[in-house]
Amino acid sequence: MQPFIVCGDNSVELAINSLENVATIQLFNIMGELIYNTNSTVKNGLIAEHIALENTVPGGLYIVKVLVGNKEYTKQLVVQK
């Protein structure tokens, strides 16, 4: 099952169905610099995470990367200010 990643103007919502115990969520700016990194616990095979970006990053293009086990998922995010 593919992860559910929704990128709004100033937030990221994601949900992943996985048998793994931990998922790593990363946010990169357009220059490839890692600006957000967190590990999220997978509970009962699911992870649900909300990342608020209103006051943490300037407007621009970003890449959201989710690492679960040996799988990697990415999605573009545009933050508008």
N, C-alpha and C. Protein backbone atom coordinates (compact mmCIF):
# COMPACT_ATOMS: atom_id res chain seq x y z
N MET A 1 0.84 -1.19 0.00
CA MET A 1 0.00 0.00 0.00
C MET A 1 0.88 1.24 0.00
N GLN A 2 0.57 2.17 -0.89
CA GLN A 2 1.30 3.43 -0.97
C GLN A 2 0.94 4.32 0.22
N PRO A 3 1.89 5.12 0.69
CA PRO A 3 1.56 6.04 1.79
C PRO A 3 0.65 7.14 1.29
N PHE A 4 -0.09 7.70 2.20
CA PHE A 4 -0.99 8.81 1.92
C PHE A 4 -0.24 10.07 2.35
N ILE A 5 0.22 10.86 1.39
CA ILE A 5 0.96 12.08 1.69
C ILE A 5 0.22 13.25 1.04
N VAL A 6 -0.26 14.17 1.86
CA VAL A 6 -0.96 15.35 1.36
C VAL A 6 -0.17 16.57 1.78
N CYS A 7 0.22 17.36 0.82
CA CYS A 7 0.97 18.57 1.08
C CYS A 7 0.07 19.78 0.85
N GLY A 8 -0.24 20.48 1.94
CA GLY A 8 -1.02 21.71 1.84
C GLY A 8 -0.10 22.90 1.73
N ASP A 9 -0.65 24.10 1.84
CA ASP A 9 0.17 25.31 1.72
C ASP A 9 1.24 25.37 2.80
N ASN A 10 0.90 25.03 4.02
CA ASN A 10 1.84 25.18 5.12
C ASN A 10 1.89 23.96 6.03
N SER A 11 1.53 22.80 5.52
CA SER A 11 1.57 21.61 6.36
C SER A 11 1.70 20.35 5.51
N VAL A 12 2.08 19.28 6.17
CA VAL A 12 2.17 17.97 5.53
C VAL A 12 1.39 17.00 6.39
N GLU A 13 0.48 16.27 5.77
CA GLU A 13 -0.28 15.21 6.46
C GLU A 13 0.10 13.90 5.79
N LEU A 14 0.44 12.91 6.60
CA LEU A 14 0.73 11.62 6.00
C LEU A 14 0.28 10.47 6.87
N ALA A 15 -0.06 9.39 6.21
CA ALA A 15 -0.47 8.16 6.88
C ALA A 15 0.11 7.00 6.08
N ILE A 16 0.70 6.05 6.78
CA ILE A 16 1.37 4.93 6.13
C ILE A 16 0.94 3.64 6.80
N ASN A 17 0.64 2.64 6.01
CA ASN A 17 0.32 1.31 6.52
C ASN A 17 1.57 0.47 6.37
N SER A 18 2.15 0.04 7.49
CA SER A 18 3.41 -0.68 7.44
C SER A 18 3.53 -1.65 8.62
N LEU A 19 4.28 -2.72 8.42
CA LEU A 19 4.58 -3.65 9.50
C LEU A 19 5.86 -3.26 10.24
N GLU A 20 6.54 -2.23 9.76
CA GLU A 20 7.76 -1.75 10.41
C GLU A 20 7.40 -1.04 11.72
N ASN A 21 8.39 -0.85 12.59
CA ASN A 21 8.17 -0.19 13.87
C ASN A 21 8.39 1.31 13.83
N VAL A 22 9.21 1.78 12.88
CA VAL A 22 9.58 3.19 12.83
C VAL A 22 9.60 3.66 11.37
N ALA A 23 9.16 4.89 11.16
CA ALA A 23 9.26 5.55 9.86
C ALA A 23 10.06 6.84 10.06
N THR A 24 10.92 7.15 9.13
CA THR A 24 11.68 8.40 9.17
C THR A 24 11.05 9.37 8.19
N ILE A 25 10.78 10.57 8.66
CA ILE A 25 10.17 11.61 7.84
C ILE A 25 11.18 12.74 7.70
N GLN A 26 11.48 13.10 6.47
CA GLN A 26 12.48 14.14 6.21
C GLN A 26 11.91 15.19 5.27
N LEU A 27 12.39 16.42 5.43
CA LEU A 27 12.02 17.52 4.56
C LEU A 27 13.30 18.18 4.06
N PHE A 28 13.42 18.29 2.74
CA PHE A 28 14.59 18.89 2.12
C PHE A 28 14.19 20.15 1.37
N ASN A 29 15.06 21.17 1.40
CA ASN A 29 14.80 22.35 0.56
C ASN A 29 15.26 22.05 -0.85
N ILE A 30 15.05 22.97 -1.76
CA ILE A 30 15.36 22.75 -3.18
C ILE A 30 16.86 22.59 -3.42
N MET A 31 17.68 23.03 -2.46
CA MET A 31 19.13 22.89 -2.57
C MET A 31 19.60 21.51 -2.08
N GLY A 32 18.66 20.70 -1.59
CA GLY A 32 19.00 19.37 -1.11
C GLY A 32 19.42 19.32 0.35
N GLU A 33 19.27 20.44 1.05
CA GLU A 33 19.64 20.50 2.46
C GLU A 33 18.52 19.93 3.33
N LEU A 34 18.86 19.06 4.25
CA LEU A 34 17.90 18.49 5.17
C LEU A 34 17.51 19.55 6.20
N ILE A 35 16.22 19.90 6.26
CA ILE A 35 15.79 20.95 7.19
C ILE A 35 14.82 20.43 8.25
N TYR A 36 14.36 19.20 8.09
CA TYR A 36 13.47 18.60 9.09
C TYR A 36 13.70 17.10 9.05
N ASN A 37 13.83 16.49 10.21
CA ASN A 37 14.05 15.06 10.29
C ASN A 37 13.46 14.54 11.59
N THR A 38 12.59 13.54 11.50
CA THR A 38 12.02 12.95 12.71
C THR A 38 11.75 11.48 12.46
N ASN A 39 11.80 10.72 13.53
CA ASN A 39 11.38 9.33 13.49
C ASN A 39 10.01 9.25 14.14
N SER A 40 9.13 8.55 13.50
CA SER A 40 7.77 8.41 14.01
C SER A 40 7.47 6.94 14.25
N THR A 41 6.87 6.65 15.37
CA THR A 41 6.55 5.27 15.73
C THR A 41 5.35 4.78 14.92
N VAL A 42 5.47 3.58 14.42
CA VAL A 42 4.36 2.93 13.72
C VAL A 42 3.59 2.14 14.76
N LYS A 43 2.30 2.46 14.92
CA LYS A 43 1.46 1.79 15.91
C LYS A 43 0.39 0.98 15.21
N ASN A 44 0.31 -0.29 15.56
CA ASN A 44 -0.67 -1.20 14.95
C ASN A 44 -0.60 -1.18 13.43
N GLY A 45 0.61 -1.05 12.91
CA GLY A 45 0.80 -1.04 11.46
C GLY A 45 0.52 0.28 10.79
N LEU A 46 0.21 1.32 11.55
CA LEU A 46 -0.12 2.62 10.96
C LEU A 46 0.71 3.74 11.57
N ILE A 47 0.99 4.72 10.76
CA ILE A 47 1.62 5.95 11.23
C ILE A 47 0.77 7.11 10.75
N ALA A 48 0.55 8.05 11.61
CA ALA A 48 -0.15 9.28 11.22
C ALA A 48 0.66 10.44 11.77
N GLU A 49 1.03 11.37 10.91
CA GLU A 49 1.90 12.47 11.31
C GLU A 49 1.41 13.76 10.67
N HIS A 50 1.47 14.83 11.43
CA HIS A 50 1.14 16.17 10.93
C HIS A 50 2.36 17.04 11.16
N ILE A 51 2.84 17.68 10.11
CA ILE A 51 3.98 18.57 10.22
C ILE A 51 3.51 19.98 9.87
N ALA A 52 3.51 20.88 10.85
CA ALA A 52 3.11 22.26 10.63
C ALA A 52 4.34 23.07 10.21
N LEU A 53 4.22 23.83 9.13
CA LEU A 53 5.36 24.56 8.59
C LEU A 53 5.17 26.07 8.61
N GLU A 54 4.08 26.56 9.19
CA GLU A 54 3.74 27.98 9.10
C GLU A 54 4.89 28.91 9.43
N ASN A 55 5.55 28.68 10.55
CA ASN A 55 6.58 29.61 11.00
C ASN A 55 7.97 28.99 11.00
N THR A 56 8.14 27.83 10.37
CA THR A 56 9.42 27.15 10.47
C THR A 56 10.27 27.21 9.21
N VAL A 57 9.66 27.40 8.05
CA VAL A 57 10.43 27.44 6.80
C VAL A 57 9.93 28.60 5.93
N PRO A 58 10.83 29.19 5.13
CA PRO A 58 10.39 30.23 4.19
C PRO A 58 9.63 29.61 3.02
N GLY A 59 8.91 30.45 2.29
CA GLY A 59 8.20 29.97 1.11
C GLY A 59 9.16 29.38 0.09
N GLY A 60 8.69 28.39 -0.65
CA GLY A 60 9.53 27.78 -1.67
C GLY A 60 9.16 26.34 -1.93
N LEU A 61 9.98 25.67 -2.71
CA LEU A 61 9.76 24.28 -3.09
C LEU A 61 10.56 23.36 -2.17
N TYR A 62 9.92 22.30 -1.69
CA TYR A 62 10.53 21.35 -0.78
C TYR A 62 10.21 19.93 -1.23
N ILE A 63 10.98 18.98 -0.73
CA ILE A 63 10.74 17.57 -1.00
C ILE A 63 10.49 16.88 0.34
N VAL A 64 9.37 16.16 0.43
CA VAL A 64 9.08 15.34 1.60
C VAL A 64 9.50 13.92 1.27
N LYS A 65 10.31 13.33 2.15
CA LYS A 65 10.77 11.95 1.95
C LYS A 65 10.37 11.14 3.17
N VAL A 66 9.77 9.98 2.93
CA VAL A 66 9.37 9.07 4.00
C VAL A 66 10.10 7.75 3.77
N LEU A 67 10.84 7.32 4.79
CA LEU A 67 11.59 6.07 4.73
C LEU A 67 10.95 5.07 5.68
N VAL A 68 10.50 3.95 5.14
CA VAL A 68 9.86 2.91 5.95
C VAL A 68 10.50 1.59 5.55
N GLY A 69 11.24 0.98 6.48
CA GLY A 69 11.94 -0.26 6.15
C GLY A 69 12.90 0.01 5.01
N ASN A 70 12.82 -0.77 3.94
CA ASN A 70 13.68 -0.56 2.79
C ASN A 70 12.99 0.20 1.66
N LYS A 71 11.86 0.83 1.96
CA LYS A 71 11.11 1.59 0.96
C LYS A 71 11.26 3.09 1.20
N GLU A 72 11.24 3.84 0.11
CA GLU A 72 11.37 5.29 0.17
C GLU A 72 10.28 5.92 -0.69
N TYR A 73 9.58 6.90 -0.12
CA TYR A 73 8.51 7.60 -0.83
C TYR A 73 8.82 9.09 -0.80
N THR A 74 8.60 9.79 -1.92
CA THR A 74 8.86 11.22 -1.98
C THR A 74 7.69 11.96 -2.61
N LYS A 75 7.56 13.22 -2.25
CA LYS A 75 6.54 14.08 -2.83
C LYS A 75 7.01 15.53 -2.73
N GLN A 76 6.69 16.33 -3.75
CA GLN A 76 7.02 17.74 -3.73
C GLN A 76 6.02 18.51 -2.89
N LEU A 77 6.50 19.57 -2.28
CA LEU A 77 5.68 20.44 -1.45
C LEU A 77 6.02 21.87 -1.79
N VAL A 78 5.01 22.70 -2.04
CA VAL A 78 5.21 24.13 -2.25
C VAL A 78 4.67 24.84 -1.02
N VAL A 79 5.55 25.58 -0.33
CA VAL A 79 5.15 26.37 0.83
C VAL A 79 4.98 27.81 0.35
N GLN A 80 3.78 28.36 0.53
CA GLN A 80 3.50 29.73 0.11
C GLN A 80 3.39 30.62 1.34
N LYS A 81 4.01 31.75 1.27
CA LYS A 81 3.98 32.72 2.38
C LYS A 81 3.30 33.98 1.94
